[in-house]
PDB file of all heavy atoms in Angstrom:
ATOM      1  N   PRO A   1       0.842  -1.202   0.000  1.00  0.00           N
ATOM      2  CA  PRO A   1       0.000   0.000   0.000  1.00  0.00           C
ATOM      3  C   PRO A   1       0.869   1.241   0.000  1.00  0.00           C
ATOM      4  O   PRO A   1       1.965   1.254   0.557  1.00  0.00           O
ATOM      5  CB  PRO A   1      -0.778  -0.114   1.320  1.00  0.00           C
ATOM      6  CG  PRO A   1      -0.642  -1.536   1.744  1.00  0.00           C
ATOM      7  CD  PRO A   1       0.671  -2.004   1.218  1.00  0.00           C
ATOM      8  N   GLY A   2       0.384   2.277  -0.668  1.00  0.00           N
ATOM      9  CA  GLY A   2       1.071   3.562  -0.607  1.00  0.00           C
ATOM     10  C   GLY A   2       1.833   3.993  -1.835  1.00  0.00           C
ATOM     11  O   GLY A   2       2.442   5.072  -1.832  1.00  0.00           O
ATOM     12  N   LEU A   3       1.819   3.197  -2.920  1.00  0.00           N
ATOM     13  CA  LEU A   3       2.486   3.636  -4.148  1.00  0.00           C
ATOM     14  C   LEU A   3       1.524   4.495  -4.957  1.00  0.00           C
ATOM     15  O   LEU A   3       0.357   4.146  -5.133  1.00  0.00           O
ATOM     16  CB  LEU A   3       2.941   2.441  -4.987  1.00  0.00           C
ATOM     17  CG  LEU A   3       3.932   1.459  -4.369  1.00  0.00           C
ATOM     18  CD1 LEU A   3       4.501   0.556  -5.459  1.00  0.00           C
ATOM     19  CD2 LEU A   3       5.040   2.162  -3.608  1.00  0.00           C
ATOM     20  N   GLY A   4       2.015   5.599  -5.484  1.00  0.00           N
ATOM     21  CA  GLY A   4       1.178   6.528  -6.230  1.00  0.00           C
ATOM     22  C   GLY A   4       1.019   7.835  -5.492  1.00  0.00           C
ATOM     23  O   GLY A   4       1.282   7.921  -4.287  1.00  0.00           O
ATOM     24  N   LYS A   5       0.602   8.856  -6.226  1.00  0.00           N
ATOM     25  CA  LYS A   5       0.411  10.184  -5.642  1.00  0.00           C
ATOM     26  C   LYS A   5      -0.945  10.733  -6.075  1.00  0.00           C
ATOM     27  O   LYS A   5      -1.454  10.372  -7.136  1.00  0.00           O
ATOM     28  CB  LYS A   5       1.528  11.131  -6.083  1.00  0.00           C
ATOM     29  CG  LYS A   5       2.907  10.726  -5.568  1.00  0.00           C
ATOM     30  CD  LYS A   5       3.941  11.773  -5.922  1.00  0.00           C
ATOM     31  CE  LYS A   5       5.307  11.408  -5.355  1.00  0.00           C
ATOM     32  NZ  LYS A   5       6.315  12.449  -5.634  1.00  0.00           N
ATOM     33  N   PRO A   6      -1.529  11.611  -5.274  1.00  0.00           N
ATOM     34  CA  PRO A   6      -2.836  12.177  -5.643  1.00  0.00           C
ATOM     35  C   PRO A   6      -2.782  13.028  -6.907  1.00  0.00           C
ATOM     36  O   PRO A   6      -1.719  13.459  -7.352  1.00  0.00           O
ATOM     37  CB  PRO A   6      -3.204  13.027  -4.419  1.00  0.00           C
ATOM     38  CG  PRO A   6      -2.330  12.538  -3.313  1.00  0.00           C
ATOM     39  CD  PRO A   6      -1.062  12.083  -3.971  1.00  0.00           C
ATOM     40  N   VAL A   7      -3.913  13.266  -7.461  1.00  0.00           N
ATOM     41  CA  VAL A   7      -4.178  14.195  -8.557  1.00  0.00           C
ATOM     42  C   VAL A   7      -3.486  13.777  -9.865  1.00  0.00           C
ATOM     43  O   VAL A   7      -3.938  12.850 -10.521  1.00  0.00           O
ATOM     44  CB  VAL A   7      -3.838  15.656  -8.170  1.00  0.00           C
ATOM     45  CG1 VAL A   7      -4.412  16.624  -9.205  1.00  0.00           C
ATOM     46  CG2 VAL A   7      -4.397  15.994  -6.773  1.00  0.00           C
ATOM     47  N   PHE A   8      -2.383  14.389 -10.258  1.00  0.00           N
ATOM     48  CA  PHE A   8      -1.840  14.172 -11.604  1.00  0.00           C
ATOM     49  C   PHE A   8      -0.864  13.010 -11.723  1.00  0.00           C
ATOM     50  O   PHE A   8      -0.539  12.599 -12.838  1.00  0.00           O
ATOM     51  CB  PHE A   8      -1.186  15.453 -12.123  1.00  0.00           C
ATOM     52  CG  PHE A   8      -2.158  16.592 -12.288  1.00  0.00           C
ATOM     53  CD1 PHE A   8      -2.006  17.753 -11.557  1.00  0.00           C
ATOM     54  CD2 PHE A   8      -3.231  16.482 -13.145  1.00  0.00           C
ATOM     55  CE1 PHE A   8      -2.908  18.803 -11.685  1.00  0.00           C
ATOM     56  CE2 PHE A   8      -4.143  17.520 -13.291  1.00  0.00           C
ATOM     57  CZ  PHE A   8      -3.978  18.683 -12.552  1.00  0.00           C
ATOM     58  N   ASP A   9      -0.379  12.489 -10.613  1.00  0.00           N
ATOM     59  CA  ASP A   9       0.534  11.350 -10.661  1.00  0.00           C
ATOM     60  C   ASP A   9      -0.080  10.122 -10.003  1.00  0.00           C
ATOM     61  O   ASP A   9       0.605   9.355  -9.324  1.00  0.00           O
ATOM     62  CB  ASP A   9       1.877  11.699 -10.011  1.00  0.00           C
ATOM     63  CG  ASP A   9       2.751  12.532 -10.933  1.00  0.00           C
ATOM     64  OD1 ASP A   9       2.824  12.185 -12.130  1.00  0.00           O
ATOM     65  OD2 ASP A   9       3.326  13.535 -10.472  1.00  0.00           O
ATOM     66  N   LYS A  10      -1.375   9.956 -10.202  1.00  0.00           N
ATOM     67  CA  LYS A  10      -2.039   8.751  -9.717  1.00  0.00           C
ATOM     68  C   LYS A  10      -1.402   7.524 -10.365  1.00  0.00           C
ATOM     69  O   LYS A  10      -0.989   7.572 -11.530  1.00  0.00           O
ATOM     70  CB  LYS A  10      -3.528   8.806 -10.046  1.00  0.00           C
ATOM     71  CG  LYS A  10      -4.280   9.882  -9.268  1.00  0.00           C
ATOM     72  CD  LYS A  10      -5.748   9.901  -9.632  1.00  0.00           C
ATOM     73  CE  LYS A  10      -6.495  10.945  -8.797  1.00  0.00           C
ATOM     74  NZ  LYS A  10      -7.926  11.016  -9.121  1.00  0.00           N
ATOM     75  N   LEU A  11      -1.336   6.444  -9.617  1.00  0.00           N
ATOM     76  CA  LEU A  11      -0.684   5.234 -10.116  1.00  0.00           C
ATOM     77  C   LEU A  11      -1.338   4.736 -11.395  1.00  0.00           C
ATOM     78  O   LEU A  11      -0.658   4.377 -12.361  1.00  0.00           O
ATOM     79  CB  LEU A  11      -0.708   4.151  -9.035  1.00  0.00           C
ATOM     80  CG  LEU A  11       0.044   2.851  -9.331  1.00  0.00           C
ATOM     81  CD1 LEU A  11       1.489   3.118  -9.722  1.00  0.00           C
ATOM     82  CD2 LEU A  11      -0.026   1.924  -8.125  1.00  0.00           C
ATOM     83  N   GLN A  12      -2.683   4.724 -11.425  1.00  0.00           N
ATOM     84  CA  GLN A  12      -3.362   4.230 -12.630  1.00  0.00           C
ATOM     85  C   GLN A  12      -3.170   5.173 -13.814  1.00  0.00           C
ATOM     86  O   GLN A  12      -3.146   4.730 -14.969  1.00  0.00           O
ATOM     87  CB  GLN A  12      -4.859   3.995 -12.367  1.00  0.00           C
ATOM     88  CG  GLN A  12      -5.730   5.243 -12.333  1.00  0.00           C
ATOM     89  CD  GLN A  12      -5.824   5.831 -10.942  1.00  0.00           C
ATOM     90  OE1 GLN A  12      -4.946   5.615 -10.111  1.00  0.00           O
ATOM     91  NE2 GLN A  12      -6.895   6.569 -10.660  1.00  0.00           N
ATOM     92  N   ALA A  13      -2.998   6.469 -13.534  1.00  0.00           N
ATOM     93  CA  ALA A  13      -2.769   7.427 -14.622  1.00  0.00           C
ATOM     94  C   ALA A  13      -1.415   7.181 -15.276  1.00  0.00           C
ATOM     95  O   ALA A  13      -1.282   7.236 -16.508  1.00  0.00           O
ATOM     96  CB  ALA A  13      -2.851   8.856 -14.095  1.00  0.00           C
ATOM     97  N   ASN A  14      -0.399   6.890 -14.462  1.00  0.00           N
ATOM     98  CA  ASN A  14       0.920   6.621 -15.025  1.00  0.00           C
ATOM     99  C   ASN A  14       0.964   5.263 -15.715  1.00  0.00           C
ATOM    100  O   ASN A  14       1.670   5.092 -16.714  1.00  0.00           O
ATOM    101  CB  ASN A  14       1.979   6.705 -13.929  1.00  0.00           C
ATOM    102  CG  ASN A  14       2.273   8.144 -13.544  1.00  0.00           C
ATOM    103  OD1 ASN A  14       1.948   9.074 -14.272  1.00  0.00           O
ATOM    104  ND2 ASN A  14       2.876   8.347 -12.392  1.00  0.00           N
ATOM    105  N   LEU A  15       0.207   4.301 -15.191  1.00  0.00           N
ATOM    106  CA  LEU A  15       0.103   3.024 -15.899  1.00  0.00           C
ATOM    107  C   LEU A  15      -0.585   3.204 -17.246  1.00  0.00           C
ATOM    108  O   LEU A  15      -0.165   2.634 -18.258  1.00  0.00           O
ATOM    109  CB  LEU A  15      -0.678   2.014 -15.051  1.00  0.00           C
ATOM    110  CG  LEU A  15       0.076   1.356 -13.900  1.00  0.00           C
ATOM    111  CD1 LEU A  15      -0.877   0.575 -13.004  1.00  0.00           C
ATOM    112  CD2 LEU A  15       1.187   0.433 -14.412  1.00  0.00           C
ATOM    113  N   ALA A  16      -1.633   4.025 -17.269  1.00  0.00           N
ATOM    114  CA  ALA A  16      -2.343   4.278 -18.523  1.00  0.00           C
ATOM    115  C   ALA A  16      -1.427   4.946 -19.542  1.00  0.00           C
ATOM    116  O   ALA A  16      -1.397   4.562 -20.719  1.00  0.00           O
ATOM    117  CB  ALA A  16      -3.566   5.144 -18.260  1.00  0.00           C
ATOM    118  N   LYS A  17      -0.667   5.936 -19.090  1.00  0.00           N
ATOM    119  CA  LYS A  17       0.268   6.610 -20.009  1.00  0.00           C
ATOM    120  C   LYS A  17       1.289   5.625 -20.551  1.00  0.00           C
ATOM    121  O   LYS A  17       1.598   5.633 -21.750  1.00  0.00           O
ATOM    122  CB  LYS A  17       0.983   7.748 -19.288  1.00  0.00           C
ATOM    123  CG  LYS A  17       2.001   8.463 -20.172  1.00  0.00           C
ATOM    124  CD  LYS A  17       2.686   9.607 -19.459  1.00  0.00           C
ATOM    125  CE  LYS A  17       3.708  10.269 -20.390  1.00  0.00           C
ATOM    126  NZ  LYS A  17       4.389  11.409 -19.750  1.00  0.00           N
ATOM    127  N   ALA A  18       1.800   4.773 -19.669  1.00  0.00           N
ATOM    128  CA  ALA A  18       2.793   3.789 -20.091  1.00  0.00           C
ATOM    129  C   ALA A  18       2.224   2.860 -21.151  1.00  0.00           C
ATOM    130  O   ALA A  18       2.859   2.599 -22.186  1.00  0.00           O
ATOM    131  CB  ALA A  18       3.268   2.984 -18.883  1.00  0.00           C
ATOM    132  N   MET A  19       1.013   2.359 -20.920  1.00  0.00           N
ATOM    133  CA  MET A  19       0.430   1.393 -21.848  1.00  0.00           C
ATOM    134  C   MET A  19       0.029   2.036 -23.169  1.00  0.00           C
ATOM    135  O   MET A  19       0.230   1.472 -24.243  1.00  0.00           O
ATOM    136  CB  MET A  19      -0.787   0.714 -21.200  1.00  0.00           C
ATOM    137  CG  MET A  19      -0.437  -0.078 -19.963  1.00  0.00           C
ATOM    138  SD  MET A  19       0.921  -1.246 -20.222  1.00  0.00           S
ATOM    139  CE  MET A  19       1.796  -1.093 -18.650  1.00  0.00           C
ATOM    140  N   LEU A  20      -0.515   3.227 -23.094  1.00  0.00           N
ATOM    141  CA  LEU A  20      -0.958   3.899 -24.323  1.00  0.00           C
ATOM    142  C   LEU A  20       0.202   4.466 -25.129  1.00  0.00           C
ATOM    143  O   LEU A  20       0.013   4.910 -26.262  1.00  0.00           O
ATOM    144  CB  LEU A  20      -1.976   4.988 -23.984  1.00  0.00           C
ATOM    145  CG  LEU A  20      -3.303   4.449 -23.421  1.00  0.00           C
ATOM    146  CD1 LEU A  20      -4.215   5.604 -23.016  1.00  0.00           C
ATOM    147  CD2 LEU A  20      -3.997   3.538 -24.422  1.00  0.00           C
ATOM    148  N   SER A  21       1.403   4.436 -24.556  1.00  0.00           N
ATOM    149  CA  SER A  21       2.584   4.842 -25.322  1.00  0.00           C
ATOM    150  C   SER A  21       3.123   3.701 -26.172  1.00  0.00           C
ATOM    151  O   SER A  21       3.984   3.909 -27.034  1.00  0.00           O
ATOM    152  CB  SER A  21       3.695   5.323 -24.373  1.00  0.00           C
ATOM    153  OG  SER A  21       4.310   4.225 -23.696  1.00  0.00           O
ATOM    154  N   ILE A  22       2.623   2.490 -25.955  1.00  0.00           N
ATOM    155  CA  ILE A  22       3.064   1.337 -26.744  1.00  0.00           C
ATOM    156  C   ILE A  22       2.453   1.422 -28.141  1.00  0.00           C
ATOM    157  O   ILE A  22       1.254   1.693 -28.277  1.00  0.00           O
ATOM    158  CB  ILE A  22       2.639   0.019 -26.059  1.00  0.00           C
ATOM    159  CG1 ILE A  22       3.261  -0.080 -24.660  1.00  0.00           C
ATOM    160  CG2 ILE A  22       3.059  -1.186 -26.901  1.00  0.00           C
ATOM    161  CD1 ILE A  22       2.740  -1.254 -23.849  1.00  0.00           C
ATOM    162  N   PRO A  23       3.230   1.203 -29.190  1.00  0.00           N
ATOM    163  CA  PRO A  23       2.662   1.259 -30.545  1.00  0.00           C
ATOM    164  C   PRO A  23       1.453   0.345 -30.693  1.00  0.00           C
ATOM    165  O   PRO A  23       1.441  -0.780 -30.196  1.00  0.00           O
ATOM    166  CB  PRO A  23       3.833   0.770 -31.423  1.00  0.00           C
ATOM    167  CG  PRO A  23       5.055   1.133 -30.651  1.00  0.00           C
ATOM    168  CD  PRO A  23       4.689   0.949 -29.204  1.00  0.00           C
ATOM    169  N   ALA A  24       0.431   0.848 -31.353  1.00  0.00           N
ATOM    170  CA  ALA A  24      -0.821   0.137 -31.672  1.00  0.00           C
ATOM    171  C   ALA A  24      -1.778   0.035 -30.498  1.00  0.00           C
ATOM    172  O   ALA A  24      -2.881  -0.484 -30.649  1.00  0.00           O
ATOM    173  CB  ALA A  24      -0.556  -1.262 -32.233  1.00  0.00           C
ATOM    174  N   ALA A  25      -1.414   0.523 -29.304  1.00  0.00           N
ATOM    175  CA  ALA A  25      -2.333   0.488 -28.165  1.00  0.00           C
ATOM    176  C   ALA A  25      -3.462   1.491 -28.374  1.00  0.00           C
ATOM    177  O   ALA A  25      -3.219   2.640 -28.739  1.00  0.00           O
ATOM    178  CB  ALA A  25      -1.598   0.787 -26.870  1.00  0.00           C
ATOM    179  N   LYS A  26      -4.698   1.055 -28.143  1.00  0.00           N
ATOM    180  CA  LYS A  26      -5.854   1.919 -28.378  1.00  0.00           C
ATOM    181  C   LYS A  26      -6.754   2.085 -27.159  1.00  0.00           C
ATOM    182  O   LYS A  26      -7.635   2.936 -27.153  1.00  0.00           O
ATOM    183  CB  LYS A  26      -6.704   1.350 -29.524  1.00  0.00           C
ATOM    184  CG  LYS A  26      -5.985   1.277 -30.856  1.00  0.00           C
ATOM    185  CD  LYS A  26      -5.636   2.646 -31.392  1.00  0.00           C
ATOM    186  CE  LYS A  26      -6.842   3.333 -31.973  1.00  0.00           C
ATOM    187  NZ  LYS A  26      -6.479   4.624 -32.625  1.00  0.00           N
ATOM    188  N   GLY A  27      -6.565   1.270 -26.130  1.00  0.00           N
ATOM    189  CA  GLY A  27      -7.439   1.374 -24.976  1.00  0.00           C
ATOM    190  C   GLY A  27      -6.800   0.826 -23.718  1.00  0.00           C
ATOM    191  O   GLY A  27      -5.951  -0.063 -23.775  1.00  0.00           O
ATOM    192  N   PHE A  28      -7.230   1.376 -22.560  1.00  0.00           N
ATOM    193  CA  PHE A  28      -6.711   0.937 -21.258  1.00  0.00           C
ATOM    194  C   PHE A  28      -7.851   0.972 -20.258  1.00  0.00           C
ATOM    195  O   PHE A  28      -8.644   1.920 -20.233  1.00  0.00           O
ATOM    196  CB  PHE A  28      -5.589   1.877 -20.797  1.00  0.00           C
ATOM    197  CG  PHE A  28      -5.119   1.623 -19.379  1.00  0.00           C
ATOM    198  CD1 PHE A  28      -4.131   0.694 -19.118  1.00  0.00           C
ATOM    199  CD2 PHE A  28      -5.670   2.327 -18.313  1.00  0.00           C
ATOM    200  CE1 PHE A  28      -3.696   0.458 -17.821  1.00  0.00           C
ATOM    201  CE2 PHE A  28      -5.241   2.098 -17.003  1.00  0.00           C
ATOM    202  CZ  PHE A  28      -4.252   1.162 -16.763  1.00  0.00           C
ATOM    203  N   GLU A  29      -7.951  -0.068 -19.440  1.00  0.00           N
ATOM    204  CA  GLU A  29      -8.896  -0.061 -18.334  1.00  0.00           C
ATOM    205  C   GLU A  29      -8.295  -0.859 -17.177  1.00  0.00           C
ATOM    206  O   GLU A  29      -7.542  -1.807 -17.398  1.00  0.00           O
ATOM    207  CB  GLU A  29     -10.251  -0.640 -18.729  1.00  0.00           C
ATOM    208  CG  GLU A  29     -10.230  -2.101 -19.137  1.00  0.00           C
ATOM    209  CD  GLU A  29     -11.635  -2.638 -19.417  1.00  0.00           C
ATOM    210  OE1 GLU A  29     -12.594  -1.868 -19.355  1.00  0.00           O
ATOM    211  OE2 GLU A  29     -11.744  -3.847 -19.707  1.00  0.00           O
ATOM    212  N   TYR A  30      -8.601  -0.431 -15.959  1.00  0.00           N
ATOM    213  CA  TYR A  30      -8.087  -1.160 -14.798  1.00  0.00           C
ATOM    214  C   TYR A  30      -9.247  -1.470 -13.870  1.00  0.00           C
ATOM    215  O   TYR A  30     -10.305  -0.825 -13.915  1.00  0.00           O
ATOM    216  CB  TYR A  30      -7.002  -0.350 -14.089  1.00  0.00           C
ATOM    217  CG  TYR A  30      -7.515   0.789 -13.245  1.00  0.00           C
ATOM    218  CD1 TYR A  30      -7.599   0.668 -11.857  1.00  0.00           C
ATOM    219  CD2 TYR A  30      -7.922   1.987 -13.831  1.00  0.00           C
ATOM    220  CE1 TYR A  30      -8.078   1.709 -11.079  1.00  0.00           C
ATOM    221  CE2 TYR A  30      -8.397   3.032 -13.060  1.00  0.00           C
ATOM    222  CZ  TYR A  30      -8.478   2.888 -11.684  1.00  0.00           C
ATOM    223  OH  TYR A  30      -8.960   3.913 -10.915  1.00  0.00           O
ATOM    224  N   GLY A  31      -9.051  -2.493 -13.017  1.00  0.00           N
ATOM    225  CA  GLY A  31     -10.138  -2.902 -12.141  1.00  0.00           C
ATOM    226  C   GLY A  31     -11.363  -3.300 -12.943  1.00  0.00           C
ATOM    227  O   GLY A  31     -11.265  -3.964 -13.972  1.00  0.00           O
ATOM    228  N   SER A  32     -12.534  -2.867 -12.484  1.00  0.00           N
ATOM    229  CA  SER A  32     -13.772  -3.202 -13.197  1.00  0.00           C
ATOM    230  C   SER A  32     -13.856  -2.534 -14.567  1.00  0.00           C
ATOM    231  O   SER A  32     -14.606  -2.966 -15.435  1.00  0.00           O
ATOM    232  CB  SER A  32     -14.982  -2.791 -12.361  1.00  0.00           C
ATOM    233  OG  SER A  32     -14.986  -1.388 -12.146  1.00  0.00           O
ATOM    234  N   GLY A  33     -13.099  -1.455 -14.752  1.00  0.00           N
ATOM    235  CA  GLY A  33     -13.061  -0.793 -16.047  1.00  0.00           C
ATOM    236  C   GLY A  33     -14.423  -0.361 -16.546  1.00  0.00           C
ATOM    237  O   GLY A  33     -15.290   0.051 -15.775  1.00  0.00           O
ATOM    238  N   PHE A  34     -14.648  -0.499 -17.840  1.00  0.00           N
ATOM    239  CA  PHE A  34     -15.895  -0.052 -18.451  1.00  0.00           C
ATOM    240  C   PHE A  34     -17.083  -0.897 -17.999  1.00  0.00           C
ATOM    241  O   PHE A  34     -18.222  -0.431 -18.012  1.00  0.00           O
ATOM    242  CB  PHE A  34     -15.778  -0.072 -19.971  1.00  0.00           C
ATOM    243  CG  PHE A  34     -14.863   0.994 -20.510  1.00  0.00           C
ATOM    244  CD1 PHE A  34     -13.558   0.694 -20.891  1.00  0.00           C
ATOM    245  CD2 PHE A  34     -15.284   2.306 -20.613  1.00  0.00           C
ATOM    246  CE1 PHE A  34     -12.706   1.681 -21.369  1.00  0.00           C
ATOM    247  CE2 PHE A  34     -14.441   3.304 -21.098  1.00  0.00           C
ATOM    248  CZ  PHE A  34     -13.149   2.986 -21.471  1.00  0.00           C
ATOM    249  N   ALA A  35     -16.826  -2.149 -17.600  1.00  0.00           N
ATOM    250  CA  ALA A  35     -17.919  -3.005 -17.147  1.00  0.00           C
ATOM    251  C   ALA A  35     -18.553  -2.464 -15.873  1.00  0.00           C
ATOM    252  O   ALA A  35     -19.722  -2.749 -15.576  1.00  0.00           O
ATOM    253  CB  ALA A  35     -17.418  -4.426 -16.910  1.00  0.00           C
ATOM    254  N   GLY A  36     -17.807  -1.660 -15.126  1.00  0.00           N
ATOM    255  CA  GLY A  36     -18.313  -1.116 -13.871  1.00  0.00           C
ATOM    256  C   GLY A  36     -19.496  -0.185 -14.036  1.00  0.00           C
ATOM    257  O   GLY A  36     -20.281  -0.003 -13.089  1.00  0.00           O
ATOM    258  N   VAL A  37     -19.661   0.391 -15.220  1.00  0.00           N
ATOM    259  CA  VAL A  37     -20.758   1.353 -15.410  1.00  0.00           C
ATOM    260  C   VAL A  37     -22.125   0.677 -15.344  1.00  0.00           C
ATOM    261  O   VAL A  37     -23.137   1.345 -15.077  1.00  0.00           O
ATOM    262  CB  VAL A  37     -20.615   2.129 -16.736  1.00  0.00           C
ATOM    263  CG1 VAL A  37     -19.282   2.825 -16.812  1.00  0.00           C
ATOM    264  CG2 VAL A  37     -20.791   1.195 -17.946  1.00  0.00           C
ATOM    265  N   SER A  38     -22.174  -0.630 -15.572  1.00  0.00           N
ATOM    266  CA  SER A  38     -23.456  -1.336 -15.554  1.00  0.00           C
ATOM    267  C   SER A  38     -23.779  -1.913 -14.175  1.00  0.00           C
ATOM    268  O   SER A  38     -24.812  -2.558 -13.996  1.00  0.00           O
ATOM    269  CB  SER A  38     -23.451  -2.469 -16.594  1.00  0.00           C
ATOM    270  OG  SER A  38     -22.451  -3.416 -16.294  1.00  0.00           O
ATOM    271  N   MET A  39     -22.893  -1.659 -13.200  1.00  0.00           N
ATOM    272  CA  MET A  39     -23.111  -2.173 -11.846  1.00  0.00           C
ATOM    273  C   MET A  39     -23.700  -1.086 -10.949  1.00  0.00           C
ATOM    274  O   MET A  39     -23.535   0.112 -11.211  1.00  0.00           O
ATOM    275  CB  MET A  39     -21.781  -2.664 -11.256  1.00  0.00           C
ATOM    276  CG  MET A  39     -21.108  -3.761 -12.046  1.00  0.00           C
ATOM    277  SD  MET A  39     -19.457  -4.152 -11.428  1.00  0.00           S
ATOM    278  CE  MET A  39     -19.859  -4.895  -9.841  1.00  0.00           C
ATOM    279  N   LYS A  40     -24.393  -1.518  -9.897  1.00  0.00           N
ATOM    280  CA  LYS A  40     -24.834  -0.573  -8.875  1.00  0.00           C
ATOM    281  C   LYS A  40     -23.717  -0.351  -7.873  1.00  0.00           C
ATOM    282  O   LYS A  40     -22.856  -1.214  -7.694  1.00  0.00           O
ATOM    283  CB  LYS A  40     -26.089  -1.116  -8.180  1.00  0.00           C
ATOM    284  CG  LYS A  40     -27.320  -1.178  -9.079  1.00  0.00           C
ATOM    285  CD  LYS A  40     -28.521  -1.754  -8.355  1.00  0.00           C
ATOM    286  CE  LYS A  40     -28.347  -3.252  -8.142  1.00  0.00           C
ATOM    287  NZ  LYS A  40     -29.592  -3.858  -7.596  1.00  0.00           N
ATOM    288  N   GLY A  41     -23.759   0.802  -7.212  1.00  0.00           N
ATOM    289  CA  GLY A  41     -22.719   1.094  -6.232  1.00  0.00           C
ATOM    290  C   GLY A  41     -22.661   0.058  -5.125  1.00  0.00           C
ATOM    291  O   GLY A  41     -21.581  -0.282  -4.627  1.00  0.00           O
ATOM    292  N   SER A  42     -23.811  -0.463  -4.744  1.00  0.00           N
ATOM    293  CA  SER A  42     -23.862  -1.487  -3.698  1.00  0.00           C
ATOM    294  C   SER A  42     -23.190  -2.777  -4.142  1.00  0.00           C
ATOM    295  O   SER A  42     -22.758  -3.580  -3.314  1.00  0.00           O
ATOM    296  CB  SER A  42     -25.319  -1.768  -3.319  1.00  0.00           C
ATOM    297  OG  SER A  42     -26.076  -2.140  -4.467  1.00  0.00           O
TER     298      SER A  42
END
């Protein structure tokens, strides 16, 4: 626990930048990702 920084250097933001810098990469999602939008908060 504890890796990453708030706001602009969030861990997932830097992972996203890293992955989207790879040639031919078009999308990134972590955790539930886009599937999470169809779930209820509960």
